[in-house]
Amino acid sequence: MAIQGPIPVTYDMVFPHGCYIVGEVEPVKDFDASTGGRFVQARDKQTAELVWQVAVMDGDPTLKPAQKTVAVKILAPAQPVPPQSIPGLPFTPVEFDGITVTPYVNAAGRLAYSIKAREMRAPRHTQQMKAPAGKDAA
């Protein structure tokens, strides 16, 4: 089979309705290397880059509430900085570049995907995400 390892995809394939940051960017713990009170940050198995994680809400209106929030892992040498928030919006819109997905079977026996990205940035098309007309910016 030609596909080996993570599958490269585009942002629009994963989040066609956009996504929004709903958590902090945090280091991912390497559970095998961390012992007792000693925290060791995970490194990506393919690139050896440090792994960071941020919770995002998928903008797809058809998803059930339990399916809306997903974790995106970001491979970067330093902690990624989220884009600035947009006045009038309750959540910060975000886009990712260099995305890969890795399918796996979760604890419930269902197909799930691990999402990794190389970069986190502000959306290119912010005019679509402005506050609704008639709303004052905070």
N, C-alpha and C. Protein backbone atom coordinates (compact mmCIF):
# COMPACT_ATOMS: atom_id res chain seq x y z
N MET A 1 0.84 -1.18 0.00
CA MET A 1 0.00 0.00 0.00
C MET A 1 0.88 1.24 0.00
N ALA A 2 0.51 2.24 -0.76
CA ALA A 2 1.31 3.45 -0.90
C ALA A 2 1.23 4.35 0.34
N ILE A 3 0.14 4.31 1.08
CA ILE A 3 -0.01 5.18 2.24
C ILE A 3 0.68 4.54 3.44
N GLN A 4 1.66 5.23 3.97
CA GLN A 4 2.39 4.76 5.14
C GLN A 4 2.42 5.90 6.15
N GLY A 5 1.92 5.69 7.35
CA GLY A 5 1.96 6.72 8.38
C GLY A 5 0.85 7.74 8.23
N PRO A 6 1.07 8.95 8.79
CA PRO A 6 0.05 10.00 8.75
C PRO A 6 -0.34 10.37 7.32
N ILE A 7 -1.61 10.69 7.12
CA ILE A 7 -2.14 11.01 5.80
C ILE A 7 -2.24 12.53 5.65
N PRO A 8 -1.54 13.12 4.67
CA PRO A 8 -1.63 14.57 4.48
C PRO A 8 -3.02 14.98 3.97
N VAL A 9 -3.58 16.03 4.57
CA VAL A 9 -4.88 16.55 4.17
C VAL A 9 -4.82 18.08 4.22
N THR A 10 -5.83 18.73 3.66
CA THR A 10 -5.89 20.19 3.73
C THR A 10 -6.78 20.62 4.90
N TYR A 11 -6.62 21.86 5.30
CA TYR A 11 -7.45 22.43 6.36
C TYR A 11 -8.93 22.33 5.99
N ASP A 12 -9.26 22.68 4.74
CA ASP A 12 -10.65 22.66 4.30
C ASP A 12 -11.26 21.26 4.29
N MET A 13 -10.44 20.24 4.15
CA MET A 13 -10.94 18.86 4.21
C MET A 13 -11.34 18.49 5.64
N VAL A 14 -10.58 18.97 6.61
CA VAL A 14 -10.83 18.61 8.01
C VAL A 14 -11.87 19.54 8.64
N PHE A 15 -11.79 20.83 8.35
CA PHE A 15 -12.68 21.83 8.95
C PHE A 15 -13.33 22.69 7.87
N PRO A 16 -14.23 22.13 7.04
CA PRO A 16 -14.83 22.93 5.95
C PRO A 16 -15.66 24.11 6.45
N HIS A 17 -16.11 24.07 7.71
CA HIS A 17 -16.90 25.17 8.29
C HIS A 17 -16.06 26.02 9.24
N GLY A 18 -14.76 25.82 9.22
CA GLY A 18 -13.87 26.56 10.10
C GLY A 18 -13.78 25.93 11.48
N CYS A 19 -12.88 26.47 12.31
CA CYS A 19 -12.78 26.02 13.70
C CYS A 19 -12.31 27.16 14.58
N TYR A 20 -12.51 27.00 15.87
CA TYR A 20 -12.30 28.06 16.84
C TYR A 20 -11.57 27.51 18.06
N ILE A 21 -10.61 28.26 18.56
CA ILE A 21 -9.86 27.84 19.74
C ILE A 21 -10.76 27.92 20.97
N VAL A 22 -10.79 26.85 21.75
CA VAL A 22 -11.59 26.84 22.98
C VAL A 22 -10.76 26.38 24.19
N GLY A 23 -9.45 26.38 24.05
CA GLY A 23 -8.57 25.98 25.13
C GLY A 23 -7.21 26.62 24.97
N GLU A 24 -6.33 26.33 25.88
CA GLU A 24 -4.97 26.86 25.85
C GLU A 24 -4.06 25.92 25.05
N VAL A 25 -3.00 26.47 24.49
CA VAL A 25 -1.98 25.64 23.85
C VAL A 25 -1.13 25.06 24.99
N GLU A 26 -1.06 23.74 25.04
CA GLU A 26 -0.36 23.07 26.13
C GLU A 26 0.61 22.02 25.60
N PRO A 27 1.69 21.76 26.34
CA PRO A 27 2.59 20.69 25.93
C PRO A 27 1.90 19.34 26.14
N VAL A 28 2.19 18.39 25.25
CA VAL A 28 1.64 17.04 25.39
C VAL A 28 2.64 16.21 26.20
N LYS A 29 2.13 15.49 27.16
CA LYS A 29 2.97 14.67 28.05
C LYS A 29 3.38 13.37 27.37
N ASP A 30 4.65 13.03 27.49
CA ASP A 30 5.15 11.73 27.05
C ASP A 30 4.95 10.79 28.24
N PHE A 31 3.92 9.96 28.17
CA PHE A 31 3.57 9.11 29.31
C PHE A 31 4.61 8.05 29.59
N ASP A 32 5.35 7.62 28.58
CA ASP A 32 6.39 6.61 28.79
C ASP A 32 7.62 7.19 29.47
N ALA A 33 8.00 8.41 29.10
CA ALA A 33 9.22 9.02 29.65
C ALA A 33 8.99 9.76 30.96
N SER A 34 7.77 10.23 31.21
CA SER A 34 7.46 10.95 32.44
C SER A 34 7.31 9.96 33.58
N THR A 35 7.96 10.27 34.71
CA THR A 35 7.87 9.40 35.88
C THR A 35 7.67 10.24 37.13
N GLY A 36 6.85 9.73 38.03
CA GLY A 36 6.61 10.45 39.27
C GLY A 36 6.18 11.87 39.01
N GLY A 37 6.89 12.84 39.59
CA GLY A 37 6.57 14.24 39.40
C GLY A 37 7.34 14.88 38.25
N ARG A 38 8.08 14.09 37.49
CA ARG A 38 8.91 14.61 36.40
C ARG A 38 8.13 14.58 35.08
N PHE A 39 7.86 15.78 34.53
CA PHE A 39 7.12 15.90 33.27
C PHE A 39 8.11 15.92 32.11
N VAL A 40 7.86 15.07 31.12
CA VAL A 40 8.64 15.06 29.89
C VAL A 40 7.67 15.31 28.74
N GLN A 41 7.99 16.30 27.92
CA GLN A 41 7.12 16.62 26.79
C GLN A 41 7.33 15.62 25.66
N ALA A 42 6.21 15.25 25.03
CA ALA A 42 6.24 14.30 23.93
C ALA A 42 6.93 14.91 22.71
N ARG A 43 7.55 14.03 21.94
CA ARG A 43 8.14 14.40 20.65
C ARG A 43 7.50 13.54 19.59
N ASP A 44 7.29 14.12 18.41
CA ASP A 44 6.70 13.38 17.31
C ASP A 44 7.64 12.25 16.89
N LYS A 45 7.07 11.07 16.63
CA LYS A 45 7.88 9.90 16.28
C LYS A 45 8.57 10.04 14.94
N GLN A 46 7.95 10.73 13.98
CA GLN A 46 8.55 10.88 12.65
C GLN A 46 9.57 12.03 12.58
N THR A 47 9.26 13.16 13.23
CA THR A 47 10.09 14.37 13.07
C THR A 47 10.93 14.71 14.29
N ALA A 48 10.64 14.15 15.44
CA ALA A 48 11.29 14.45 16.72
C ALA A 48 11.00 15.86 17.22
N GLU A 49 10.04 16.56 16.59
CA GLU A 49 9.63 17.90 17.04
C GLU A 49 8.81 17.78 18.32
N LEU A 50 8.84 18.83 19.16
CA LEU A 50 8.00 18.86 20.35
C LEU A 50 6.54 18.87 19.93
N VAL A 51 5.68 18.25 20.75
CA VAL A 51 4.25 18.17 20.45
C VAL A 51 3.47 19.04 21.44
N TRP A 52 2.64 19.92 20.88
CA TRP A 52 1.76 20.81 21.64
C TRP A 52 0.33 20.45 21.27
N GLN A 53 -0.62 20.84 22.09
CA GLN A 53 -2.02 20.50 21.82
C GLN A 53 -2.92 21.67 22.14
N VAL A 54 -3.96 21.85 21.31
CA VAL A 54 -4.96 22.89 21.56
C VAL A 54 -6.33 22.30 21.24
N ALA A 55 -7.31 22.62 22.09
CA ALA A 55 -8.69 22.18 21.84
C ALA A 55 -9.34 23.20 20.92
N VAL A 56 -10.03 22.69 19.89
CA VAL A 56 -10.75 23.55 18.97
C VAL A 56 -12.18 23.03 18.81
N MET A 57 -13.08 23.98 18.51
CA MET A 57 -14.47 23.61 18.24
C MET A 57 -14.68 23.67 16.74
N ASP A 58 -15.17 22.58 16.18
CA ASP A 58 -15.48 22.49 14.76
C ASP A 58 -16.73 23.32 14.49
N GLY A 59 -16.69 24.13 13.45
CA GLY A 59 -17.83 24.99 13.11
C GLY A 59 -18.95 24.29 12.35
N ASP A 60 -18.85 22.99 12.15
CA ASP A 60 -19.88 22.24 11.41
C ASP A 60 -21.17 22.21 12.21
N PRO A 61 -22.25 22.83 11.71
CA PRO A 61 -23.51 22.88 12.46
C PRO A 61 -24.22 21.53 12.55
N THR A 62 -23.83 20.55 11.77
CA THR A 62 -24.51 19.25 11.79
C THR A 62 -23.95 18.30 12.84
N LEU A 63 -22.81 18.66 13.46
CA LEU A 63 -22.21 17.77 14.46
C LEU A 63 -22.98 17.79 15.77
N LYS A 64 -23.00 16.65 16.44
CA LYS A 64 -23.58 16.57 17.79
C LYS A 64 -22.64 17.30 18.74
N PRO A 65 -23.16 17.83 19.86
CA PRO A 65 -22.30 18.56 20.80
C PRO A 65 -21.05 17.78 21.23
N ALA A 66 -21.16 16.50 21.44
CA ALA A 66 -20.00 15.70 21.89
C ALA A 66 -18.95 15.55 20.80
N GLN A 67 -19.31 15.81 19.55
CA GLN A 67 -18.37 15.68 18.43
C GLN A 67 -17.72 17.01 18.05
N LYS A 68 -18.18 18.10 18.62
CA LYS A 68 -17.72 19.43 18.19
C LYS A 68 -16.30 19.78 18.61
N THR A 69 -15.86 19.35 19.78
CA THR A 69 -14.54 19.72 20.27
C THR A 69 -13.54 18.60 20.00
N VAL A 70 -12.43 18.98 19.35
CA VAL A 70 -11.37 18.03 19.05
C VAL A 70 -10.03 18.65 19.43
N ALA A 71 -9.05 17.80 19.64
CA ALA A 71 -7.69 18.27 19.94
C ALA A 71 -6.89 18.25 18.65
N VAL A 72 -6.15 19.33 18.42
CA VAL A 72 -5.21 19.39 17.31
C VAL A 72 -3.82 19.45 17.93
N LYS A 73 -2.97 18.53 17.52
CA LYS A 73 -1.58 18.52 17.99
C LYS A 73 -0.75 19.30 16.99
N ILE A 74 0.12 20.16 17.53
CA ILE A 74 0.96 21.00 16.69
C ILE A 74 2.41 20.63 16.94
N LEU A 75 3.15 20.38 15.87
CA LEU A 75 4.56 20.04 15.96
C LEU A 75 5.36 21.31 15.77
N ALA A 76 6.09 21.72 16.82
CA ALA A 76 6.84 22.98 16.75
C ALA A 76 7.95 22.98 17.79
N PRO A 77 9.06 23.67 17.51
CA PRO A 77 10.16 23.73 18.47
C PRO A 77 9.86 24.58 19.70
N ALA A 78 8.91 25.51 19.59
CA ALA A 78 8.51 26.37 20.71
C ALA A 78 6.99 26.42 20.76
N GLN A 79 6.46 26.82 21.92
CA GLN A 79 5.00 26.85 22.09
C GLN A 79 4.35 27.79 21.08
N PRO A 80 3.44 27.27 20.26
CA PRO A 80 2.74 28.11 19.28
C PRO A 80 1.86 29.16 19.96
N VAL A 81 1.76 30.32 19.34
CA VAL A 81 0.95 31.41 19.87
C VAL A 81 -0.33 31.50 19.05
N PRO A 82 -1.49 31.44 19.71
CA PRO A 82 -2.76 31.54 18.97
C PRO A 82 -2.92 32.91 18.33
N PRO A 83 -3.71 32.99 17.26
CA PRO A 83 -3.98 34.30 16.66
C PRO A 83 -4.76 35.18 17.62
N GLN A 84 -4.75 36.48 17.36
CA GLN A 84 -5.50 37.41 18.21
C GLN A 84 -6.99 37.19 18.03
N SER A 85 -7.73 37.41 19.11
CA SER A 85 -9.19 37.27 19.03
C SER A 85 -9.76 38.41 18.21
N ILE A 86 -10.97 38.19 17.70
CA ILE A 86 -11.67 39.21 16.91
C ILE A 86 -12.78 39.77 17.79
N PRO A 87 -12.79 41.10 17.99
CA PRO A 87 -13.83 41.71 18.82
C PRO A 87 -15.23 41.31 18.34
N GLY A 88 -16.10 40.97 19.28
CA GLY A 88 -17.47 40.60 18.96
C GLY A 88 -17.68 39.11 18.78
N LEU A 89 -16.61 38.33 18.73
CA LEU A 89 -16.74 36.88 18.60
C LEU A 89 -16.40 36.22 19.93
N PRO A 90 -17.17 35.22 20.35
CA PRO A 90 -16.90 34.57 21.64
C PRO A 90 -15.69 33.63 21.61
N PHE A 91 -15.30 33.17 20.42
CA PHE A 91 -14.17 32.26 20.28
C PHE A 91 -13.23 32.80 19.21
N THR A 92 -11.97 32.41 19.28
CA THR A 92 -10.98 32.87 18.32
C THR A 92 -10.90 31.94 17.12
N PRO A 93 -11.18 32.45 15.91
CA PRO A 93 -11.04 31.62 14.71
C PRO A 93 -9.57 31.29 14.48
N VAL A 94 -9.32 30.10 13.96
CA VAL A 94 -7.95 29.65 13.73
C VAL A 94 -7.92 28.75 12.50
N GLU A 95 -6.79 28.72 11.83
CA GLU A 95 -6.56 27.77 10.74
C GLU A 95 -5.23 27.09 10.99
N PHE A 96 -5.06 25.93 10.38
CA PHE A 96 -3.83 25.15 10.53
C PHE A 96 -3.28 24.82 9.15
N ASP A 97 -1.96 24.76 9.07
CA ASP A 97 -1.27 24.37 7.84
C ASP A 97 -0.46 23.11 8.11
N GLY A 98 -0.18 22.37 7.05
CA GLY A 98 0.63 21.16 7.18
C GLY A 98 -0.09 20.08 7.98
N ILE A 99 -1.36 19.87 7.72
CA ILE A 99 -2.17 18.94 8.51
C ILE A 99 -2.01 17.50 8.02
N THR A 100 -1.94 16.59 8.99
CA THR A 100 -2.02 15.16 8.70
C THR A 100 -3.04 14.55 9.65
N VAL A 101 -3.65 13.46 9.22
CA VAL A 101 -4.54 12.70 10.09
C VAL A 101 -4.04 11.27 10.16
N THR A 102 -4.19 10.68 11.33
CA THR A 102 -3.83 9.28 11.52
C THR A 102 -5.06 8.58 12.08
N PRO A 103 -5.63 7.65 11.33
CA PRO A 103 -6.81 6.93 11.83
C PRO A 103 -6.39 5.91 12.89
N TYR A 104 -7.30 5.71 13.87
CA TYR A 104 -7.09 4.69 14.89
C TYR A 104 -8.45 4.25 15.43
N VAL A 105 -8.48 3.16 16.16
CA VAL A 105 -9.70 2.69 16.80
C VAL A 105 -9.64 3.12 18.26
N ASN A 106 -10.66 3.91 18.70
CA ASN A 106 -10.65 4.44 20.06
C ASN A 106 -11.11 3.39 21.08
N ALA A 107 -11.15 3.78 22.34
CA ALA A 107 -11.51 2.86 23.43
C ALA A 107 -12.92 2.30 23.28
N ALA A 108 -13.80 3.04 22.60
CA ALA A 108 -15.18 2.59 22.39
C ALA A 108 -15.29 1.68 21.17
N GLY A 109 -14.16 1.42 20.52
CA GLY A 109 -14.17 0.55 19.34
C GLY A 109 -14.59 1.25 18.06
N ARG A 110 -14.57 2.57 18.07
CA ARG A 110 -14.97 3.35 16.89
C ARG A 110 -13.77 3.97 16.21
N LEU A 111 -13.89 4.19 14.91
CA LEU A 111 -12.84 4.83 14.15
C LEU A 111 -12.72 6.30 14.57
N ALA A 112 -11.50 6.73 14.85
CA ALA A 112 -11.23 8.12 15.23
C ALA A 112 -9.98 8.57 14.48
N TYR A 113 -9.67 9.86 14.58
CA TYR A 113 -8.52 10.41 13.88
C TYR A 113 -7.70 11.28 14.81
N SER A 114 -6.40 11.12 14.77
CA SER A 114 -5.48 12.02 15.45
C SER A 114 -5.10 13.08 14.42
N ILE A 115 -5.28 14.36 14.78
CA ILE A 115 -5.01 15.47 13.87
C ILE A 115 -3.73 16.16 14.32
N LYS A 116 -2.77 16.28 13.40
CA LYS A 116 -1.52 17.00 13.68
C LYS A 116 -1.35 18.09 12.64
N ALA A 117 -0.70 19.18 13.05
CA ALA A 117 -0.45 20.30 12.15
C ALA A 117 0.96 20.83 12.37
N ARG A 118 1.49 21.53 11.37
CA ARG A 118 2.82 22.12 11.47
C ARG A 118 2.74 23.59 11.88
N GLU A 119 1.58 24.23 11.65
CA GLU A 119 1.46 25.66 11.95
C GLU A 119 0.03 26.03 12.30
N MET A 120 -0.11 26.97 13.23
CA MET A 120 -1.41 27.52 13.62
C MET A 120 -1.36 29.01 13.28
N ARG A 121 -2.44 29.54 12.66
CA ARG A 121 -2.44 30.94 12.26
C ARG A 121 -3.86 31.50 12.22
N ALA A 122 -3.94 32.81 12.05
CA ALA A 122 -5.24 33.46 11.87
C ALA A 122 -5.81 33.05 10.52
N PRO A 123 -7.13 32.97 10.41
CA PRO A 123 -7.74 32.63 9.12
C PRO A 123 -7.39 33.66 8.05
N ARG A 124 -7.28 33.18 6.83
CA ARG A 124 -6.99 34.08 5.70
C ARG A 124 -8.20 34.92 5.33
N HIS A 125 -9.39 34.39 5.55
CA HIS A 125 -10.63 35.05 5.12
C HIS A 125 -11.43 35.49 6.34
N THR A 126 -10.90 36.42 7.11
CA THR A 126 -11.58 36.85 8.34
C THR A 126 -12.86 37.63 8.08
N GLN A 127 -13.06 38.16 6.86
CA GLN A 127 -14.28 38.91 6.59
C GLN A 127 -15.52 38.04 6.75
N GLN A 128 -15.41 36.72 6.58
CA GLN A 128 -16.53 35.82 6.74
C GLN A 128 -16.85 35.58 8.22
N MET A 129 -15.94 35.97 9.11
CA MET A 129 -16.08 35.65 10.52
C MET A 129 -16.28 36.89 11.37
N LYS A 130 -16.66 38.00 10.77
CA LYS A 130 -16.90 39.22 11.53
C LYS A 130 -18.14 39.06 12.39
N ALA A 131 -18.24 39.91 13.41
CA ALA A 131 -19.42 39.90 14.28
C ALA A 131 -20.66 40.19 13.46
N PRO A 132 -21.81 39.62 13.84
CA PRO A 132 -23.05 39.87 13.10
C PRO A 132 -23.39 41.36 13.07
N ALA A 133 -24.03 41.78 11.99
CA ALA A 133 -24.44 43.19 11.85
C ALA A 133 -25.32 43.61 13.01
N GLY A 134 -25.11 44.83 13.48
CA GLY A 134 -25.92 45.34 14.58
C GLY A 134 -25.37 45.00 15.95
N LYS A 135 -24.32 44.21 16.02
CA LYS A 135 -23.72 43.86 17.31
C LYS A 135 -22.55 44.77 17.56
N ASP A 136 -22.45 45.30 18.75
CA ASP A 136 -21.31 46.15 19.11
C ASP A 136 -20.12 45.27 19.41
N ALA A 137 -18.95 45.69 18.95
CA ALA A 137 -17.71 44.96 19.28
C ALA A 137 -17.37 45.22 20.73
N ALA A 138 -16.91 44.20 21.40
CA ALA A 138 -16.56 44.34 22.83
C ALA A 138 -15.21 44.98 22.98
